Amino acid sequence: MRILLTGASGFLGKQIFDKLSASYDVVTLGRSAQSTIQADLITSIPSLPEVSTVIHVAGKAHTVPVTLDEEKEFFEINLEGTKRL
């Protein structure tokens, strides 16, 4: 089984990757150079391989938007990035 994992360089993504990669073919998508597929979901719609499962844990977390610009960034990353995926 091939799994697509976004956010594999983040705290949660690292934990998921470590557990799944021992038993499954895990393709990672993210902005870091270590990602199998380098893409920024804020600005692009990546071309993806065929997978059986998608685990999407990339996003902006642990912050509460205070300004309108921060709120826009939060929704651009979390909502629109998910739509692009």
N, C-alpha and C. Protein backbone atom coordinates (compact mmCIF):
# COMPACT_ATOMS: atom_id res chain seq x y z
N MET A 1 0.84 -1.17 0.00
CA MET A 1 0.00 0.00 0.00
C MET A 1 0.89 1.24 0.00
N ARG A 2 0.52 2.22 -0.84
CA ARG A 2 1.26 3.49 -0.92
C ARG A 2 0.42 4.58 -0.25
N ILE A 3 1.06 5.33 0.64
CA ILE A 3 0.40 6.39 1.40
C ILE A 3 1.05 7.72 1.08
N LEU A 4 0.23 8.76 0.86
CA LEU A 4 0.73 10.11 0.71
C LEU A 4 0.58 10.81 2.04
N LEU A 5 1.68 11.35 2.56
CA LEU A 5 1.68 12.04 3.85
C LEU A 5 2.17 13.46 3.65
N THR A 6 1.33 14.44 3.98
CA THR A 6 1.76 15.83 3.94
C THR A 6 2.20 16.23 5.34
N GLY A 7 3.12 17.18 5.40
CA GLY A 7 3.58 17.67 6.71
C GLY A 7 4.48 16.71 7.45
N ALA A 8 5.20 15.87 6.73
CA ALA A 8 6.04 14.86 7.38
C ALA A 8 7.22 15.45 8.15
N SER A 9 7.54 16.71 7.91
CA SER A 9 8.65 17.32 8.66
C SER A 9 8.18 17.99 9.95
N GLY A 10 6.88 18.05 10.16
CA GLY A 10 6.35 18.64 11.39
C GLY A 10 6.31 17.63 12.52
N PHE A 11 5.92 18.09 13.69
CA PHE A 11 5.91 17.23 14.88
C PHE A 11 5.02 16.00 14.68
N LEU A 12 3.79 16.20 14.31
CA LEU A 12 2.86 15.08 14.12
C LEU A 12 3.26 14.24 12.92
N GLY A 13 3.63 14.90 11.83
CA GLY A 13 4.01 14.19 10.61
C GLY A 13 5.20 13.26 10.81
N LYS A 14 6.19 13.70 11.59
CA LYS A 14 7.35 12.85 11.87
C LYS A 14 6.94 11.58 12.60
N GLN A 15 6.05 11.72 13.56
CA GLN A 15 5.58 10.56 14.32
C GLN A 15 4.85 9.57 13.41
N ILE A 16 3.98 10.10 12.58
CA ILE A 16 3.22 9.26 11.65
C ILE A 16 4.16 8.58 10.67
N PHE A 17 5.09 9.34 10.11
CA PHE A 17 6.04 8.77 9.15
C PHE A 17 6.84 7.63 9.78
N ASP A 18 7.36 7.86 10.97
CA ASP A 18 8.16 6.82 11.64
C ASP A 18 7.37 5.53 11.83
N LYS A 19 6.11 5.64 12.20
CA LYS A 19 5.28 4.45 12.42
C LYS A 19 4.93 3.74 11.11
N LEU A 20 4.55 4.51 10.10
CA LEU A 20 4.05 3.91 8.86
C LEU A 20 5.15 3.43 7.92
N SER A 21 6.28 4.13 7.90
CA SER A 21 7.31 3.80 6.91
C SER A 21 7.93 2.43 7.13
N ALA A 22 7.77 1.87 8.31
CA ALA A 22 8.30 0.53 8.57
C ALA A 22 7.49 -0.54 7.83
N SER A 23 6.22 -0.24 7.54
CA SER A 23 5.35 -1.24 6.93
C SER A 23 4.78 -0.86 5.57
N TYR A 24 4.86 0.43 5.22
CA TYR A 24 4.21 0.91 4.00
C TYR A 24 5.16 1.77 3.18
N ASP A 25 4.82 1.93 1.92
CA ASP A 25 5.51 2.86 1.03
C ASP A 25 4.89 4.23 1.28
N VAL A 26 5.65 5.11 1.95
CA VAL A 26 5.13 6.43 2.31
C VAL A 26 5.79 7.48 1.42
N VAL A 27 4.97 8.18 0.65
CA VAL A 27 5.42 9.28 -0.18
C VAL A 27 5.10 10.56 0.59
N THR A 28 6.10 11.42 0.77
CA THR A 28 5.87 12.64 1.53
C THR A 28 5.76 13.84 0.60
N LEU A 29 4.92 14.79 1.00
CA LEU A 29 4.74 16.02 0.26
C LEU A 29 4.91 17.17 1.23
N GLY A 30 5.77 18.12 0.86
CA GLY A 30 5.98 19.26 1.73
C GLY A 30 6.95 20.24 1.12
N ARG A 31 7.24 21.29 1.87
CA ARG A 31 8.16 22.33 1.40
C ARG A 31 9.61 21.99 1.67
N SER A 32 9.89 21.05 2.57
CA SER A 32 11.28 20.76 2.94
C SER A 32 11.98 19.94 1.85
N ALA A 33 13.29 20.06 1.82
CA ALA A 33 14.11 19.34 0.84
C ALA A 33 14.04 17.83 1.06
N GLN A 34 13.66 17.40 2.25
CA GLN A 34 13.58 15.97 2.55
C GLN A 34 12.30 15.33 2.00
N SER A 35 11.35 16.13 1.55
CA SER A 35 10.09 15.59 1.05
C SER A 35 10.30 14.87 -0.28
N THR A 36 9.57 13.79 -0.46
CA THR A 36 9.61 13.07 -1.74
C THR A 36 9.14 13.99 -2.86
N ILE A 37 8.05 14.71 -2.61
CA ILE A 37 7.50 15.68 -3.56
C ILE A 37 7.60 17.04 -2.90
N GLN A 38 8.40 17.93 -3.47
CA GLN A 38 8.52 19.28 -2.92
C GLN A 38 7.44 20.15 -3.54
N ALA A 39 6.56 20.68 -2.70
CA ALA A 39 5.49 21.55 -3.17
C ALA A 39 5.01 22.40 -2.01
N ASP A 40 4.54 23.57 -2.33
CA ASP A 40 3.95 24.46 -1.35
C ASP A 40 2.47 24.57 -1.70
N LEU A 41 1.62 24.02 -0.87
CA LEU A 41 0.19 24.00 -1.16
C LEU A 41 -0.45 25.39 -1.11
N ILE A 42 0.30 26.38 -0.66
CA ILE A 42 -0.20 27.75 -0.69
C ILE A 42 -0.19 28.28 -2.11
N THR A 43 0.80 27.86 -2.89
CA THR A 43 1.00 28.45 -4.22
C THR A 43 0.82 27.50 -5.38
N SER A 44 0.70 26.20 -5.12
CA SER A 44 0.66 25.27 -6.25
C SER A 44 -0.28 24.10 -6.01
N ILE A 45 -0.64 23.49 -7.11
CA ILE A 45 -1.40 22.24 -7.08
C ILE A 45 -0.45 21.18 -7.64
N PRO A 46 0.10 20.35 -6.77
CA PRO A 46 1.13 19.40 -7.22
C PRO A 46 0.54 18.23 -8.02
N SER A 47 1.37 17.68 -8.88
CA SER A 47 1.04 16.45 -9.58
C SER A 47 1.38 15.30 -8.63
N LEU A 48 0.44 14.43 -8.41
CA LEU A 48 0.62 13.39 -7.39
C LEU A 48 0.61 11.99 -8.00
N PRO A 49 1.36 11.07 -7.38
CA PRO A 49 1.33 9.68 -7.83
C PRO A 49 0.04 9.02 -7.34
N GLU A 50 -0.24 7.87 -7.88
CA GLU A 50 -1.40 7.12 -7.41
C GLU A 50 -1.08 6.56 -6.02
N VAL A 51 -2.00 6.79 -5.09
CA VAL A 51 -1.85 6.31 -3.72
C VAL A 51 -3.18 5.71 -3.27
N SER A 52 -3.13 4.91 -2.24
CA SER A 52 -4.35 4.32 -1.71
C SER A 52 -4.92 5.14 -0.55
N THR A 53 -4.05 5.93 0.10
CA THR A 53 -4.48 6.70 1.27
C THR A 53 -3.74 8.03 1.31
N VAL A 54 -4.44 9.09 1.73
CA VAL A 54 -3.83 10.39 1.94
C VAL A 54 -3.99 10.77 3.41
N ILE A 55 -2.88 11.13 4.03
CA ILE A 55 -2.91 11.64 5.41
C ILE A 55 -2.37 13.05 5.34
N HIS A 56 -3.23 14.02 5.61
CA HIS A 56 -2.89 15.44 5.44
C HIS A 56 -2.74 16.09 6.82
N VAL A 57 -1.49 16.29 7.23
CA VAL A 57 -1.23 16.94 8.52
C VAL A 57 -0.39 18.20 8.35
N ALA A 58 -0.24 18.68 7.11
CA ALA A 58 0.46 19.94 6.89
C ALA A 58 -0.50 21.08 7.19
N GLY A 59 0.00 22.12 7.78
CA GLY A 59 -0.84 23.28 8.05
C GLY A 59 -0.27 24.13 9.14
N LYS A 60 -0.93 25.22 9.38
CA LYS A 60 -0.52 26.15 10.43
C LYS A 60 -1.31 25.79 11.68
N ALA A 61 -0.59 25.54 12.76
CA ALA A 61 -1.23 25.14 14.02
C ALA A 61 -0.55 25.86 15.19
N HIS A 62 -1.14 25.73 16.34
CA HIS A 62 -0.58 26.26 17.59
C HIS A 62 -0.53 27.78 17.65
N THR A 63 -1.29 28.44 16.77
CA THR A 63 -1.37 29.90 16.81
C THR A 63 -2.82 30.31 16.60
N VAL A 64 -3.18 31.42 17.19
CA VAL A 64 -4.51 31.99 16.98
C VAL A 64 -4.30 33.31 16.24
N PRO A 65 -4.90 33.45 15.04
CA PRO A 65 -4.73 34.69 14.30
C PRO A 65 -5.23 35.89 15.11
N VAL A 66 -4.42 36.95 15.13
CA VAL A 66 -4.77 38.16 15.87
C VAL A 66 -5.15 39.28 14.90
N THR A 67 -4.40 39.40 13.81
CA THR A 67 -4.67 40.45 12.84
C THR A 67 -5.39 39.86 11.63
N LEU A 68 -5.91 40.73 10.78
CA LEU A 68 -6.57 40.27 9.55
C LEU A 68 -5.58 39.57 8.64
N ASP A 69 -4.33 40.05 8.58
CA ASP A 69 -3.31 39.39 7.76
C ASP A 69 -3.00 37.99 8.27
N GLU A 70 -2.90 37.84 9.59
CA GLU A 70 -2.66 36.51 10.17
C GLU A 70 -3.84 35.59 9.92
N GLU A 71 -5.04 36.11 10.00
CA GLU A 71 -6.24 35.30 9.73
C GLU A 71 -6.26 34.84 8.27
N LYS A 72 -5.92 35.75 7.37
CA LYS A 72 -5.88 35.40 5.95
C LYS A 72 -4.85 34.30 5.70
N GLU A 73 -3.65 34.46 6.31
CA GLU A 73 -2.59 33.47 6.15
C GLU A 73 -3.03 32.10 6.71
N PHE A 74 -3.68 32.11 7.87
CA PHE A 74 -4.16 30.88 8.49
C PHE A 74 -5.11 30.13 7.56
N PHE A 75 -6.08 30.84 6.99
CA PHE A 75 -7.04 30.20 6.10
C PHE A 75 -6.43 29.84 4.75
N GLU A 76 -5.48 30.64 4.28
CA GLU A 76 -4.82 30.33 3.01
C GLU A 76 -4.05 29.02 3.14
N ILE A 77 -3.35 28.86 4.24
CA ILE A 77 -2.56 27.65 4.45
C ILE A 77 -3.47 26.45 4.73
N ASN A 78 -4.37 26.58 5.69
CA ASN A 78 -5.14 25.43 6.15
C ASN A 78 -6.32 25.07 5.25
N LEU A 79 -7.09 26.03 4.84
CA LEU A 79 -8.28 25.73 4.04
C LEU A 79 -7.94 25.63 2.55
N GLU A 80 -7.34 26.67 2.00
CA GLU A 80 -7.05 26.66 0.57
C GLU A 80 -5.97 25.63 0.23
N GLY A 81 -4.99 25.44 1.11
CA GLY A 81 -3.98 24.41 0.88
C GLY A 81 -4.60 23.02 0.81
N THR A 82 -5.58 22.77 1.65
CA THR A 82 -6.27 21.48 1.63
C THR A 82 -7.05 21.32 0.33
N LYS A 83 -7.69 22.37 -0.12
CA LYS A 83 -8.42 22.32 -1.40
C LYS A 83 -7.47 22.02 -2.56
N ARG A 84 -6.28 22.63 -2.54
CA ARG A 84 -5.32 22.39 -3.61
C ARG A 84 -4.82 20.94 -3.60
N LEU A 85 -4.72 20.39 -2.42
CA LEU A 85 -4.29 18.99 -2.31
C LEU A 85 -5.33 18.09 -2.95
